[in-house]
Amino acid sequence: MKHWIVIGMLFLGVSIGVAHDQDQLYIDEVLAKLKSENYTNALQMLNKKIQNEEWQLQYMHELRGESYFGLESYKEARDEYIRALPQSNEGRVERKLGQTYDKLGEFHTAVEYYDKCIEMAPDEGFQEYLARYHKARALASLGKYTEARMELKKINNNTISEGFIKDVREMMDFCLEQEKKATGQATDNGGSSESSESGVSP
Protein backbone atom coordinates (compact mmCIF):
# COMPACT_ATOMS: atom_id res chain seq x y z
CA MET A 1 0.00 0.00 0.00
CA LYS A 2 2.94 2.33 0.63
CA HIS A 3 3.61 2.89 -3.09
CA TRP A 4 0.47 4.87 -3.77
CA ILE A 5 0.39 6.57 -0.36
CA VAL A 6 3.79 8.09 -1.15
CA ILE A 7 2.41 9.17 -4.52
CA GLY A 8 -0.60 10.63 -2.80
CA MET A 9 1.50 12.51 -0.29
CA LEU A 10 3.55 13.98 -3.13
CA PHE A 11 0.56 14.69 -5.39
CA LEU A 12 0.87 18.38 -4.64
CA GLY A 13 -0.87 19.77 -7.69
CA VAL A 14 1.02 23.02 -7.19
CA SER A 15 -1.06 25.91 -8.46
CA ILE A 16 0.98 28.68 -6.85
CA GLY A 17 3.28 30.52 -9.23
CA VAL A 18 7.03 30.32 -8.76
CA ALA A 19 8.69 33.63 -9.42
CA HIS A 20 12.16 32.49 -10.45
CA ASP A 21 13.74 29.44 -12.08
CA GLN A 22 16.09 29.16 -9.13
CA ASP A 23 13.15 28.87 -6.78
CA GLN A 24 11.64 26.12 -8.93
CA LEU A 25 14.92 24.21 -8.91
CA TYR A 26 14.96 24.52 -5.12
CA ILE A 27 11.43 23.14 -4.88
CA ASP A 28 12.32 20.29 -7.24
CA GLU A 29 15.29 19.38 -5.06
CA VAL A 30 13.14 19.33 -1.92
CA LEU A 31 10.49 17.20 -3.64
CA ALA A 32 13.18 14.79 -4.85
CA LYS A 33 14.39 14.34 -1.28
CA LEU A 34 10.83 13.72 -0.09
CA LYS A 35 10.23 11.20 -2.86
CA SER A 36 13.40 9.33 -1.91
CA GLU A 37 12.24 9.44 1.75
CA ASN A 38 15.23 11.59 2.73
CA TYR A 39 13.03 13.52 5.14
CA THR A 40 15.76 14.83 7.43
CA ASN A 41 17.68 16.56 4.63
CA ALA A 42 14.46 17.94 3.16
CA LEU A 43 13.57 19.39 6.54
CA GLN A 44 17.01 20.95 6.91
CA MET A 45 16.66 22.66 3.52
CA LEU A 46 13.20 23.96 4.39
CA ASN A 47 14.25 25.22 7.81
CA LYS A 48 17.10 27.20 6.26
CA LYS A 49 14.81 28.69 3.61
CA ILE A 50 12.17 29.77 6.12
CA GLN A 51 14.77 31.36 8.39
CA ASN A 52 16.31 33.38 5.57
CA GLU A 53 13.20 34.74 3.88
CA GLU A 54 9.41 34.59 3.79
CA TRP A 55 9.35 33.06 0.30
CA GLN A 56 6.26 30.93 -0.38
CA LEU A 57 5.98 30.60 3.38
CA GLN A 58 2.76 28.61 3.55
CA TYR A 59 3.95 26.18 0.89
CA MET A 60 7.17 25.73 2.85
CA HIS A 61 5.08 24.78 5.88
CA GLU A 62 3.29 22.17 3.79
CA LEU A 63 6.59 20.64 2.72
CA ARG A 64 7.83 20.74 6.32
CA GLY A 65 4.68 18.85 7.24
CA GLU A 66 5.59 16.25 4.60
CA SER A 67 9.03 15.88 6.14
CA TYR A 68 7.78 15.54 9.72
CA PHE A 69 5.11 13.06 8.60
CA GLY A 70 7.77 10.93 6.92
CA LEU A 71 9.80 11.04 10.14
CA GLU A 72 6.69 9.93 12.07
CA SER A 73 6.72 13.18 14.06
CA TYR A 74 2.99 13.56 13.70
CA LYS A 75 2.35 16.40 16.15
CA GLU A 76 4.94 18.53 14.38
CA ALA A 77 3.45 17.54 11.01
CA ARG A 78 0.00 18.57 12.23
CA ASP A 79 1.28 21.99 13.33
CA GLU A 80 2.98 22.61 9.98
CA TYR A 81 -0.07 21.58 7.96
CA ILE A 82 -2.27 23.90 10.01
CA ARG A 83 0.09 26.76 9.14
CA ALA A 84 -0.23 25.79 5.47
CA LEU A 85 -4.05 25.79 5.42
CA PRO A 86 -4.49 29.35 4.08
CA GLN A 87 -2.87 28.37 0.75
CA SER A 88 -4.93 25.20 0.30
CA ASN A 89 -7.46 25.47 -2.53
CA GLU A 90 -8.14 21.89 -3.62
CA GLY A 91 -8.31 20.15 -0.25
CA ARG A 92 -4.78 18.80 -0.44
CA VAL A 93 -3.64 20.13 2.95
CA GLU A 94 -6.95 19.17 4.55
CA ARG A 95 -6.47 15.59 3.39
CA LYS A 96 -2.94 15.50 4.77
CA LEU A 97 -4.20 16.86 8.08
CA GLY A 98 -6.76 14.07 8.15
CA GLN A 99 -4.04 11.48 7.66
CA THR A 100 -1.98 13.10 10.40
CA TYR A 101 -4.88 13.05 12.86
CA ASP A 102 -5.35 9.39 11.91
CA LYS A 103 -1.80 8.70 13.03
CA LEU A 104 -2.48 10.57 16.27
CA GLY A 105 -5.53 8.39 16.90
CA GLU A 106 -7.93 11.34 16.63
CA PHE A 107 -10.31 9.68 14.19
CA HIS A 108 -13.29 12.03 14.60
CA THR A 109 -11.12 15.03 13.75
CA ALA A 110 -9.59 13.09 10.86
CA VAL A 111 -13.06 12.49 9.39
CA GLU A 112 -13.84 16.21 9.65
CA TYR A 113 -10.77 17.10 7.60
CA TYR A 114 -11.43 14.38 5.04
CA ASP A 115 -14.92 15.83 4.57
CA LYS A 116 -13.40 19.27 4.01
CA CYS A 117 -11.06 17.83 1.40
CA ILE A 118 -13.91 16.04 -0.38
CA GLU A 119 -15.90 19.28 -0.46
CA MET A 120 -12.99 21.29 -1.87
CA ALA A 121 -11.39 18.77 -4.24
CA PRO A 122 -12.27 18.58 -7.96
CA ASP A 123 -15.05 16.05 -8.59
CA GLU A 124 -13.89 12.49 -9.26
CA GLY A 125 -10.25 13.43 -8.84
CA PHE A 126 -7.37 11.75 -7.07
CA GLN A 127 -7.60 14.02 -4.00
CA GLU A 128 -11.27 13.18 -3.54
CA TYR A 129 -10.80 9.42 -3.86
CA LEU A 130 -7.76 9.36 -1.62
CA ALA A 131 -9.69 11.34 1.01
CA ARG A 132 -12.66 8.95 0.74
CA TYR A 133 -10.39 5.93 1.21
CA HIS A 134 -8.74 7.38 4.30
CA LYS A 135 -12.09 8.59 5.63
CA ALA A 136 -13.34 5.01 5.33
CA ARG A 137 -10.36 3.78 7.32
CA ALA A 138 -11.00 6.37 10.03
CA LEU A 139 -14.69 5.41 10.18
CA ALA A 140 -13.72 1.75 10.45
CA SER A 141 -11.36 2.64 13.29
CA LEU A 142 -14.41 4.10 15.03
CA GLY A 143 -16.32 0.87 14.45
CA LYS A 144 -18.56 2.44 11.80
CA TYR A 145 -18.06 -0.27 9.21
CA THR A 146 -21.26 0.28 7.24
CA GLU A 147 -20.52 3.99 6.82
CA ALA A 148 -16.97 3.12 5.82
CA ARG A 149 -18.17 0.69 3.17
CA MET A 150 -20.62 3.24 1.76
CA GLU A 151 -17.76 5.73 1.47
CA LEU A 152 -15.62 3.24 -0.43
CA LYS A 153 -18.45 2.64 -2.91
CA LYS A 154 -18.16 6.27 -4.02
CA ILE A 155 -14.69 5.67 -5.44
CA ASN A 156 -14.66 5.26 -9.23
CA ASN A 157 -12.59 2.16 -9.98
CA ASN A 158 -11.91 3.27 -13.56
CA THR A 159 -9.80 6.29 -12.67
CA ILE A 160 -7.31 5.01 -10.10
CA SER A 161 -4.24 2.77 -10.24
CA GLU A 162 -4.57 -0.99 -9.79
CA GLY A 163 -2.64 -0.87 -6.52
CA PHE A 164 -5.04 1.66 -5.06
CA ILE A 165 -8.10 -0.27 -6.24
CA LYS A 166 -6.68 -3.43 -4.64
CA ASP A 167 -6.40 -1.60 -1.31
CA VAL A 168 -9.95 -0.25 -1.68
CA ARG A 169 -11.31 -3.75 -2.30
CA GLU A 170 -9.40 -5.20 0.64
CA MET A 171 -10.77 -2.46 2.87
CA MET A 172 -14.28 -3.13 1.54
CA ASP A 173 -13.92 -6.85 2.36
CA PHE A 174 -12.60 -6.02 5.83
CA CYS A 175 -15.58 -3.76 6.59
CA LEU A 176 -18.05 -6.33 5.30
CA GLU A 177 -16.43 -9.02 7.45
CA GLN A 178 -16.63 -6.80 10.53
CA GLU A 179 -20.30 -6.03 9.81
CA LYS A 180 -21.05 -9.76 9.64
CA LYS A 181 -19.21 -10.36 12.91
CA ALA A 182 -21.15 -7.55 14.58
CA THR A 183 -24.44 -8.94 13.26
CA GLY A 184 -23.57 -12.41 14.50
CA GLN A 185 -22.58 -11.08 17.90
CA ALA A 186 -25.83 -9.12 18.17
CA THR A 187 -27.80 -12.25 17.27
CA ASP A 188 -25.93 -14.35 19.83
CA ASN A 189 -26.54 -11.73 22.51
CA GLY A 190 -30.19 -11.34 21.59
CA GLY A 191 -29.78 -7.66 20.80
CA SER A 192 -27.68 -5.03 19.11
CA SER A 193 -24.11 -4.27 20.08
CA GLU A 194 -21.89 -1.29 19.42
CA SER A 195 -18.43 -1.81 17.96
CA SER A 196 -15.61 -0.50 20.07
CA GLU A 197 -13.07 2.03 18.79
CA SER A 198 -9.98 0.35 17.44
CA GLY A 199 -7.31 0.67 14.79
CA VAL A 200 -7.81 -0.74 11.31
CA SER A 201 -5.49 -3.46 10.08
CA PRO A 202 -6.10 -4.37 6.42
C-alpha atoms as a PDB file:
ATOM      1  CA  MET A   1       0.000   0.000   0.000  1.00  0.00           C
ATOM      2  CA  LYS A   2       2.937   2.327   0.627  1.00  0.00           C
ATOM      3  CA  HIS A   3       3.611   2.892  -3.090  1.00  0.00           C
ATOM      4  CA  TRP A   4       0.466   4.875  -3.770  1.00  0.00           C
ATOM      5  CA  ILE A   5       0.393   6.571  -0.356  1.00  0.00           C
ATOM      6  CA  VAL A   6       3.788   8.093  -1.151  1.00  0.00           C
ATOM      7  CA  ILE A   7       2.408   9.173  -4.524  1.00  0.00           C
ATOM      8  CA  GLY A   8      -0.603  10.631  -2.799  1.00  0.00           C
ATOM      9  CA  MET A   9       1.502  12.515  -0.285  1.00  0.00           C
ATOM     10  CA  LEU A  10       3.546  13.984  -3.132  1.00  0.00           C
ATOM     11  CA  PHE A  11       0.562  14.689  -5.387  1.00  0.00           C
ATOM     12  CA  LEU A  12       0.867  18.378  -4.642  1.00  0.00           C
ATOM     13  CA  GLY A  13      -0.866  19.772  -7.694  1.00  0.00           C
ATOM     14  CA  VAL A  14       1.017  23.017  -7.192  1.00  0.00           C
ATOM     15  CA  SER A  15      -1.057  25.913  -8.463  1.00  0.00           C
ATOM     16  CA  ILE A  16       0.978  28.682  -6.852  1.00  0.00           C
ATOM     17  CA  GLY A  17       3.281  30.523  -9.234  1.00  0.00           C
ATOM     18  CA  VAL A  18       7.033  30.316  -8.762  1.00  0.00           C
ATOM     19  CA  ALA A  19       8.686  33.630  -9.420  1.00  0.00           C
ATOM     20  CA  HIS A  20      12.159  32.492 -10.448  1.00  0.00           C
ATOM     21  CA  ASP A  21      13.736  29.439 -12.082  1.00  0.00           C
ATOM     22  CA  GLN A  22      16.095  29.161  -9.126  1.00  0.00           C
ATOM     23  CA  ASP A  23      13.148  28.866  -6.779  1.00  0.00           C
ATOM     24  CA  GLN A  24      11.643  26.119  -8.927  1.00  0.00           C
ATOM     25  CA  LEU A  25      14.923  24.213  -8.908  1.00  0.00           C
ATOM     26  CA  TYR A  26      14.960  24.519  -5.122  1.00  0.00           C
ATOM     27  CA  ILE A  27      11.429  23.139  -4.879  1.00  0.00           C
ATOM     28  CA  ASP A  28      12.316  20.289  -7.237  1.00  0.00           C
ATOM     29  CA  GLU A  29      15.289  19.381  -5.057  1.00  0.00           C
ATOM     30  CA  VAL A  30      13.141  19.327  -1.921  1.00  0.00           C
ATOM     31  CA  LEU A  31      10.490  17.197  -3.643  1.00  0.00           C
ATOM     32  CA  ALA A  32      13.175  14.792  -4.852  1.00  0.00           C
ATOM     33  CA  LYS A  33      14.388  14.344  -1.276  1.00  0.00           C
ATOM     34  CA  LEU A  34      10.829  13.723  -0.086  1.00  0.00           C
ATOM     35  CA  LYS A  35      10.232  11.202  -2.859  1.00  0.00           C
ATOM     36  CA  SER A  36      13.400   9.334  -1.906  1.00  0.00           C
ATOM     37  CA  GLU A  37      12.241   9.444   1.748  1.00  0.00           C
ATOM     38  CA  ASN A  38      15.233  11.588   2.725  1.00  0.00           C
ATOM     39  CA  TYR A  39      13.029  13.520   5.137  1.00  0.00           C
ATOM     40  CA  THR A  40      15.758  14.832   7.435  1.00  0.00           C
ATOM     41  CA  ASN A  41      17.684  16.559   4.632  1.00  0.00           C
ATOM     42  CA  ALA A  42      14.464  17.940   3.158  1.00  0.00           C
ATOM     43  CA  LEU A  43      13.567  19.391   6.545  1.00  0.00           C
ATOM     44  CA  GLN A  44      17.015  20.955   6.907  1.00  0.00           C
ATOM     45  CA  MET A  45      16.662  22.661   3.525  1.00  0.00           C
ATOM     46  CA  LEU A  46      13.202  23.964   4.385  1.00  0.00           C
ATOM     47  CA  ASN A  47      14.253  25.225   7.812  1.00  0.00           C
ATOM     48  CA  LYS A  48      17.097  27.204   6.257  1.00  0.00           C
ATOM     49  CA  LYS A  49      14.815  28.693   3.608  1.00  0.00           C
ATOM     50  CA  ILE A  50      12.170  29.770   6.117  1.00  0.00           C
ATOM     51  CA  GLN A  51      14.771  31.356   8.394  1.00  0.00           C
ATOM     52  CA  ASN A  52      16.307  33.376   5.568  1.00  0.00           C
ATOM     53  CA  GLU A  53      13.197  34.745   3.883  1.00  0.00           C
ATOM     54  CA  GLU A  54       9.414  34.588   3.786  1.00  0.00           C
ATOM     55  CA  TRP A  55       9.348  33.064   0.302  1.00  0.00           C
ATOM     56  CA  GLN A  56       6.256  30.935  -0.384  1.00  0.00           C
ATOM     57  CA  LEU A  57       5.984  30.600   3.382  1.00  0.00           C
ATOM     58  CA  GLN A  58       2.758  28.611   3.550  1.00  0.00           C
ATOM     59  CA  TYR A  59       3.954  26.184   0.891  1.00  0.00           C
ATOM     60  CA  MET A  60       7.167  25.731   2.848  1.00  0.00           C
ATOM     61  CA  HIS A  61       5.077  24.785   5.875  1.00  0.00           C
ATOM     62  CA  GLU A  62       3.285  22.172   3.793  1.00  0.00           C
ATOM     63  CA  LEU A  63       6.590  20.640   2.725  1.00  0.00           C
ATOM     64  CA  ARG A  64       7.832  20.740   6.318  1.00  0.00           C
ATOM     65  CA  GLY A  65       4.684  18.851   7.240  1.00  0.00           C
ATOM     66  CA  GLU A  66       5.594  16.254   4.596  1.00  0.00           C
ATOM     67  CA  SER A  67       9.028  15.876   6.144  1.00  0.00           C
ATOM     68  CA  TYR A  68       7.775  15.535   9.717  1.00  0.00           C
ATOM     69  CA  PHE A  69       5.110  13.055   8.597  1.00  0.00           C
ATOM     70  CA  GLY A  70       7.774  10.933   6.917  1.00  0.00           C
ATOM     71  CA  LEU A  71       9.805  11.041  10.135  1.00  0.00           C
ATOM     72  CA  GLU A  72       6.694   9.931  12.069  1.00  0.00           C
ATOM     73  CA  SER A  73       6.719  13.182  14.060  1.00  0.00           C
ATOM     74  CA  TYR A  74       2.989  13.563  13.695  1.00  0.00           C
ATOM     75  CA  LYS A  75       2.353  16.395  16.152  1.00  0.00           C
ATOM     76  CA  GLU A  76       4.944  18.530  14.375  1.00  0.00           C
ATOM     77  CA  ALA A  77       3.455  17.537  11.006  1.00  0.00           C
ATOM     78  CA  ARG A  78       0.005  18.571  12.227  1.00  0.00           C
ATOM     79  CA  ASP A  79       1.277  21.991  13.327  1.00  0.00           C
ATOM     80  CA  GLU A  80       2.983  22.606   9.978  1.00  0.00           C
ATOM     81  CA  TYR A  81      -0.068  21.578   7.962  1.00  0.00           C
ATOM     82  CA  ILE A  82      -2.270  23.900  10.012  1.00  0.00           C
ATOM     83  CA  ARG A  83       0.094  26.758   9.142  1.00  0.00           C
ATOM     84  CA  ALA A  84      -0.232  25.785   5.472  1.00  0.00           C
ATOM     85  CA  LEU A  85      -4.050  25.785   5.422  1.00  0.00           C
ATOM     86  CA  PRO A  86      -4.490  29.348   4.076  1.00  0.00           C
ATOM     87  CA  GLN A  87      -2.873  28.369   0.748  1.00  0.00           C
ATOM     88  CA  SER A  88      -4.928  25.200   0.301  1.00  0.00           C
ATOM     89  CA  ASN A  89      -7.456  25.468  -2.530  1.00  0.00           C
ATOM     90  CA  GLU A  90      -8.137  21.887  -3.617  1.00  0.00           C
ATOM     91  CA  GLY A  91      -8.315  20.147  -0.251  1.00  0.00           C
ATOM     92  CA  ARG A  92      -4.775  18.804  -0.435  1.00  0.00           C
ATOM     93  CA  VAL A  93      -3.635  20.127   2.954  1.00  0.00           C
ATOM     94  CA  GLU A  94      -6.948  19.169   4.553  1.00  0.00           C
ATOM     95  CA  ARG A  95      -6.471  15.590   3.393  1.00  0.00           C
ATOM     96  CA  LYS A  96      -2.945  15.499   4.768  1.00  0.00           C
ATOM     97  CA  LEU A  97      -4.203  16.861   8.082  1.00  0.00           C
ATOM     98  CA  GLY A  98      -6.763  14.071   8.146  1.00  0.00           C
ATOM     99  CA  GLN A  99      -4.040  11.478   7.655  1.00  0.00           C
ATOM    100  CA  THR A 100      -1.984  13.101  10.395  1.00  0.00           C
ATOM    101  CA  TYR A 101      -4.880  13.051  12.860  1.00  0.00           C
ATOM    102  CA  ASP A 102      -5.352   9.389  11.914  1.00  0.00           C
ATOM    103  CA  LYS A 103      -1.798   8.697  13.028  1.00  0.00           C
ATOM    104  CA  LEU A 104      -2.480  10.572  16.269  1.00  0.00           C
ATOM    105  CA  GLY A 105      -5.529   8.388  16.897  1.00  0.00           C
ATOM    106  CA  GLU A 106      -7.931  11.337  16.631  1.00  0.00           C
ATOM    107  CA  PHE A 107     -10.310   9.682  14.191  1.00  0.00           C
ATOM    108  CA  HIS A 108     -13.288  12.026  14.604  1.00  0.00           C
ATOM    109  CA  THR A 109     -11.117  15.028  13.751  1.00  0.00           C
ATOM    110  CA  ALA A 110      -9.588  13.094  10.863  1.00  0.00           C
ATOM    111  CA  VAL A 111     -13.059  12.488   9.392  1.00  0.00           C
ATOM    112  CA  GLU A 112     -13.837  16.214   9.646  1.00  0.00           C
ATOM    113  CA  TYR A 113     -10.765  17.104   7.598  1.00  0.00           C
ATOM    114  CA  TYR A 114     -11.432  14.380   5.038  1.00  0.00           C
ATOM    115  CA  ASP A 115     -14.919  15.831   4.575  1.00  0.00           C
ATOM    116  CA  LYS A 116     -13.404  19.273   4.014  1.00  0.00           C
ATOM    117  CA  CYS A 117     -11.056  17.830   1.400  1.00  0.00           C
ATOM    118  CA  ILE A 118     -13.911  16.041  -0.383  1.00  0.00           C
ATOM    119  CA  GLU A 119     -15.898  19.281  -0.458  1.00  0.00           C
ATOM    120  CA  MET A 120     -12.985  21.290  -1.866  1.00  0.00           C
ATOM    121  CA  ALA A 121     -11.389  18.766  -4.242  1.00  0.00           C
ATOM    122  CA  PRO A 122     -12.266  18.578  -7.955  1.00  0.00           C
ATOM    123  CA  ASP A 123     -15.048  16.046  -8.586  1.00  0.00           C
ATOM    124  CA  GLU A 124     -13.890  12.495  -9.256  1.00  0.00           C
ATOM    125  CA  GLY A 125     -10.251  13.434  -8.843  1.00  0.00           C
ATOM    126  CA  PHE A 126      -7.372  11.750  -7.072  1.00  0.00           C
ATOM    127  CA  GLN A 127      -7.596  14.016  -4.004  1.00  0.00           C
ATOM    128  CA  GLU A 128     -11.275  13.176  -3.539  1.00  0.00           C
ATOM    129  CA  TYR A 129     -10.803   9.421  -3.861  1.00  0.00           C
ATOM    130  CA  LEU A 130      -7.757   9.360  -1.621  1.00  0.00           C
ATOM    131  CA  ALA A 131      -9.694  11.337   1.008  1.00  0.00           C
ATOM    132  CA  ARG A 132     -12.657   8.955   0.739  1.00  0.00           C
ATOM    133  CA  TYR A 133     -10.394   5.932   1.215  1.00  0.00           C
ATOM    134  CA  HIS A 134      -8.738   7.382   4.299  1.00  0.00           C
ATOM    135  CA  LYS A 135     -12.088   8.588   5.629  1.00  0.00           C
ATOM    136  CA  ALA A 136     -13.342   5.011   5.329  1.00  0.00           C
ATOM    137  CA  ARG A 137     -10.355   3.782   7.319  1.00  0.00           C
ATOM    138  CA  ALA A 138     -11.004   6.372  10.026  1.00  0.00           C
ATOM    139  CA  LEU A 139     -14.686   5.413  10.176  1.00  0.00           C
ATOM    140  CA  ALA A 140     -13.722   1.752  10.452  1.00  0.00           C
ATOM    141  CA  SER A 141     -11.363   2.638  13.292  1.00  0.00           C
ATOM    142  CA  LEU A 142     -14.414   4.102  15.029  1.00  0.00           C
ATOM    143  CA  GLY A 143     -16.319   0.866  14.448  1.00  0.00           C
ATOM    144  CA  LYS A 144     -18.559   2.444  11.795  1.00  0.00           C
ATOM    145  CA  TYR A 145     -18.059  -0.274   9.212  1.00  0.00           C
ATOM    146  CA  THR A 146     -21.262   0.276   7.238  1.00  0.00           C
ATOM    147  CA  GLU A 147     -20.520   3.990   6.824  1.00  0.00           C
ATOM    148  CA  ALA A 148     -16.967   3.125   5.821  1.00  0.00           C
ATOM    149  CA  ARG A 149     -18.166   0.690   3.170  1.00  0.00           C
ATOM    150  CA  MET A 150     -20.617   3.238   1.762  1.00  0.00           C
ATOM    151  CA  GLU A 151     -17.758   5.733   1.467  1.00  0.00           C
ATOM    152  CA  LEU A 152     -15.622   3.245  -0.430  1.00  0.00           C
ATOM    153  CA  LYS A 153     -18.446   2.643  -2.908  1.00  0.00           C
ATOM    154  CA  LYS A 154     -18.161   6.272  -4.018  1.00  0.00           C
ATOM    155  CA  ILE A 155     -14.689   5.666  -5.444  1.00  0.00           C
ATOM    156  CA  ASN A 156     -14.661   5.256  -9.231  1.00  0.00           C
ATOM    157  CA  ASN A 157     -12.589   2.159  -9.983  1.00  0.00           C
ATOM    158  CA  ASN A 158     -11.909   3.272 -13.558  1.00  0.00           C
ATOM    159  CA  THR A 159      -9.802   6.293 -12.670  1.00  0.00           C
ATOM    160  CA  ILE A 160      -7.308   5.007 -10.100  1.00  0.00           C
ATOM    161  CA  SER A 161      -4.237   2.774 -10.237  1.00  0.00           C
ATOM    162  CA  GLU A 162      -4.571  -0.986  -9.794  1.00  0.00           C
ATOM    163  CA  GLY A 163      -2.637  -0.872  -6.523  1.00  0.00           C
ATOM    164  CA  PHE A 164      -5.039   1.660  -5.059  1.00  0.00           C
ATOM    165  CA  ILE A 165      -8.097  -0.270  -6.243  1.00  0.00           C
ATOM    166  CA  LYS A 166      -6.681  -3.425  -4.641  1.00  0.00           C
ATOM    167  CA  ASP A 167      -6.405  -1.604  -1.313  1.00  0.00           C
ATOM    168  CA  VAL A 168      -9.951  -0.253  -1.680  1.00  0.00           C
ATOM    169  CA  ARG A 169     -11.310  -3.753  -2.303  1.00  0.00           C
ATOM    170  CA  GLU A 170      -9.395  -5.202   0.637  1.00  0.00           C
ATOM    171  CA  MET A 171     -10.773  -2.463   2.865  1.00  0.00           C
ATOM    172  CA  MET A 172     -14.277  -3.129   1.545  1.00  0.00           C
ATOM    173  CA  ASP A 173     -13.922  -6.845   2.356  1.00  0.00           C
ATOM    174  CA  PHE A 174     -12.604  -6.018   5.830  1.00  0.00           C
ATOM    175  CA  CYS A 175     -15.577  -3.756   6.589  1.00  0.00           C
ATOM    176  CA  LEU A 176     -18.051  -6.334   5.305  1.00  0.00           C
ATOM    177  CA  GLU A 177     -16.428  -9.024   7.449  1.00  0.00           C
ATOM    178  CA  GLN A 178     -16.633  -6.802  10.533  1.00  0.00           C
ATOM    179  CA  GLU A 179     -20.295  -6.035   9.805  1.00  0.00           C
ATOM    180  CA  LYS A 180     -21.052  -9.763   9.641  1.00  0.00           C
ATOM    181  CA  LYS A 181     -19.209 -10.359  12.914  1.00  0.00           C
ATOM    182  CA  ALA A 182     -21.148  -7.552  14.584  1.00  0.00           C
ATOM    183  CA  THR A 183     -24.437  -8.943  13.258  1.00  0.00           C
ATOM    184  CA  GLY A 184     -23.569 -12.411  14.504  1.00  0.00           C
ATOM    185  CA  GLN A 185     -22.582 -11.079  17.901  1.00  0.00           C
ATOM    186  CA  ALA A 186     -25.826  -9.123  18.173  1.00  0.00           C
ATOM    187  CA  THR A 187     -27.798 -12.253  17.267  1.00  0.00           C
ATOM    188  CA  ASP A 188     -25.926 -14.350  19.826  1.00  0.00           C
ATOM    189  CA  ASN A 189     -26.535 -11.726  22.515  1.00  0.00           C
ATOM    190  CA  GLY A 190     -30.187 -11.335  21.591  1.00  0.00           C
ATOM    191  CA  GLY A 191     -29.778  -7.661  20.795  1.00  0.00           C
ATOM    192  CA  SER A 192     -27.683  -5.028  19.111  1.00  0.00           C
ATOM    193  CA  SER A 193     -24.114  -4.272  20.082  1.00  0.00           C
ATOM    194  CA  GLU A 194     -21.888  -1.292  19.422  1.00  0.00           C
ATOM    195  CA  SER A 195     -18.429  -1.811  17.965  1.00  0.00           C
ATOM    196  CA  SER A 196     -15.608  -0.495  20.072  1.00  0.00           C
ATOM    197  CA  GLU A 197     -13.069   2.029  18.787  1.00  0.00           C
ATOM    198  CA  SER A 198      -9.979   0.354  17.439  1.00  0.00           C
ATOM    199  CA  GLY A 199      -7.309   0.672  14.793  1.00  0.00           C
ATOM    200  CA  VAL A 200      -7.814  -0.738  11.310  1.00  0.00           C
ATOM    201  CA  SER A 201      -5.494  -3.456  10.079  1.00  0.00           C
ATOM    202  CA  PRO A 202      -6.105  -4.371   6.424  1.00  0.00           C
END
